[in-house]
Amino acid sequence: MKYEEAMKKLETIVSDVEEGKLDIDVISEKLKEAQELIKFCKDKLYQTDREIQELLSDGSKEM
């Protein structure tokens, strides 16, 4: 899954919860899915940040 896909799914879940579109039986399931999506997005951002930092530090060593 790509970051953008995860964010769109998360936004949909948040919107559905805020608008009261989900019944009580589905809310728990959707909140668990949202937690997994949040973790995925955080991990992806952390990984990307580490890769950028490595590239920047490698670039400064070459100068």
C-alpha atoms as a PDB file:
ATOM      1  CA  MET A   1       0.000   0.000   0.000  1.00  0.00           C
ATOM      2  CA  LYS A   2       1.167   3.497  -0.744  1.00  0.00           C
ATOM      3  CA  TYR A   3       1.134   6.336   1.761  1.00  0.00           C
ATOM      4  CA  GLU A   4      -1.439   8.286  -0.257  1.00  0.00           C
ATOM      5  CA  GLU A   5      -3.812   5.298  -0.330  1.00  0.00           C
ATOM      6  CA  ALA A   6      -3.537   4.842   3.420  1.00  0.00           C
ATOM      7  CA  MET A   7      -4.228   8.526   4.037  1.00  0.00           C
ATOM      8  CA  LYS A   8      -7.318   8.466   1.797  1.00  0.00           C
ATOM      9  CA  LYS A   9      -8.681   5.418   3.650  1.00  0.00           C
ATOM     10  CA  LEU A  10      -7.977   7.103   6.977  1.00  0.00           C
ATOM     11  CA  GLU A  11      -9.685  10.310   5.871  1.00  0.00           C
ATOM     12  CA  THR A  12     -12.732   8.312   4.772  1.00  0.00           C
ATOM     13  CA  ILE A  13     -12.956   6.541   8.128  1.00  0.00           C
ATOM     14  CA  VAL A  14     -12.646   9.825  10.048  1.00  0.00           C
ATOM     15  CA  SER A  15     -15.270  11.462   7.853  1.00  0.00           C
ATOM     16  CA  ASP A  16     -17.680   8.529   8.259  1.00  0.00           C
ATOM     17  CA  VAL A  17     -17.269   8.567  12.047  1.00  0.00           C
ATOM     18  CA  GLU A  18     -17.708  12.354  12.275  1.00  0.00           C
ATOM     19  CA  GLU A  19     -20.807  12.283  10.086  1.00  0.00           C
ATOM     20  CA  GLY A  20     -22.355   9.400  12.015  1.00  0.00           C
ATOM     21  CA  LYS A  21     -22.468   7.141   8.957  1.00  0.00           C
ATOM     22  CA  LEU A  22     -21.299   4.077  10.880  1.00  0.00           C
ATOM     23  CA  ASP A  23     -23.392   2.003  13.222  1.00  0.00           C
ATOM     24  CA  ILE A  24     -22.041   0.866  16.560  1.00  0.00           C
ATOM     25  CA  ASP A  25     -21.089  -2.586  15.277  1.00  0.00           C
ATOM     26  CA  VAL A  26     -18.866  -1.152  12.560  1.00  0.00           C
ATOM     27  CA  ILE A  27     -17.238   1.682  14.524  1.00  0.00           C
ATOM     28  CA  SER A  28     -14.972  -0.617  16.538  1.00  0.00           C
ATOM     29  CA  GLU A  29     -13.793  -2.395  13.388  1.00  0.00           C
ATOM     30  CA  LYS A  30     -13.135   0.893  11.593  1.00  0.00           C
ATOM     31  CA  LEU A  31     -11.259   2.350  14.555  1.00  0.00           C
ATOM     32  CA  LYS A  32      -8.954  -0.678  14.591  1.00  0.00           C
ATOM     33  CA  GLU A  33      -8.386  -0.232  10.872  1.00  0.00           C
ATOM     34  CA  ALA A  34      -7.649   3.453  11.475  1.00  0.00           C
ATOM     35  CA  GLN A  35      -5.055   2.556  14.116  1.00  0.00           C
ATOM     36  CA  GLU A  36      -3.310   0.242  11.653  1.00  0.00           C
ATOM     37  CA  LEU A  37      -3.372   2.926   8.962  1.00  0.00           C
ATOM     38  CA  ILE A  38      -1.927   5.513  11.354  1.00  0.00           C
ATOM     39  CA  LYS A  39       0.884   3.136  12.302  1.00  0.00           C
ATOM     40  CA  PHE A  40       1.576   2.408   8.626  1.00  0.00           C
ATOM     41  CA  CYS A  41       1.743   6.127   7.808  1.00  0.00           C
ATOM     42  CA  LYS A  42       3.990   6.912  10.781  1.00  0.00           C
ATOM     43  CA  ASP A  43       6.337   4.069   9.871  1.00  0.00           C
ATOM     44  CA  LYS A  44       6.446   5.189   6.240  1.00  0.00           C
ATOM     45  CA  LEU A  45       7.230   8.775   7.234  1.00  0.00           C
ATOM     46  CA  TYR A  46       9.917   7.645   9.679  1.00  0.00           C
ATOM     47  CA  GLN A  47      11.513   5.403   7.039  1.00  0.00           C
ATOM     48  CA  THR A  48      11.466   8.177   4.448  1.00  0.00           C
ATOM     49  CA  ASP A  49      12.973  10.632   6.933  1.00  0.00           C
ATOM     50  CA  ARG A  50      15.798   8.200   7.720  1.00  0.00           C
ATOM     51  CA  GLU A  51      16.505   7.683   4.022  1.00  0.00           C
ATOM     52  CA  ILE A  52      16.626  11.436   3.425  1.00  0.00           C
ATOM     53  CA  GLN A  53      18.932  11.950   6.401  1.00  0.00           C
ATOM     54  CA  GLU A  54      21.252   9.238   5.097  1.00  0.00           C
ATOM     55  CA  LEU A  55      21.315  10.816   1.645  1.00  0.00           C
ATOM     56  CA  LEU A  56      22.035  14.228   3.105  1.00  0.00           C
ATOM     57  CA  SER A  57      24.805  12.927   5.338  1.00  0.00           C
ATOM     58  CA  ASP A  58      26.347  10.948   2.455  1.00  0.00           C
ATOM     59  CA  GLY A  59      26.220  14.046   0.281  1.00  0.00           C
ATOM     60  CA  SER A  60      27.998  16.180   2.836  1.00  0.00           C
ATOM     61  CA  LYS A  61      30.758  13.574   3.212  1.00  0.00           C
ATOM     62  CA  GLU A  62      31.520  13.772  -0.505  1.00  0.00           C
ATOM     63  CA  MET A  63      32.194  17.520  -0.363  1.00  0.00           C
END
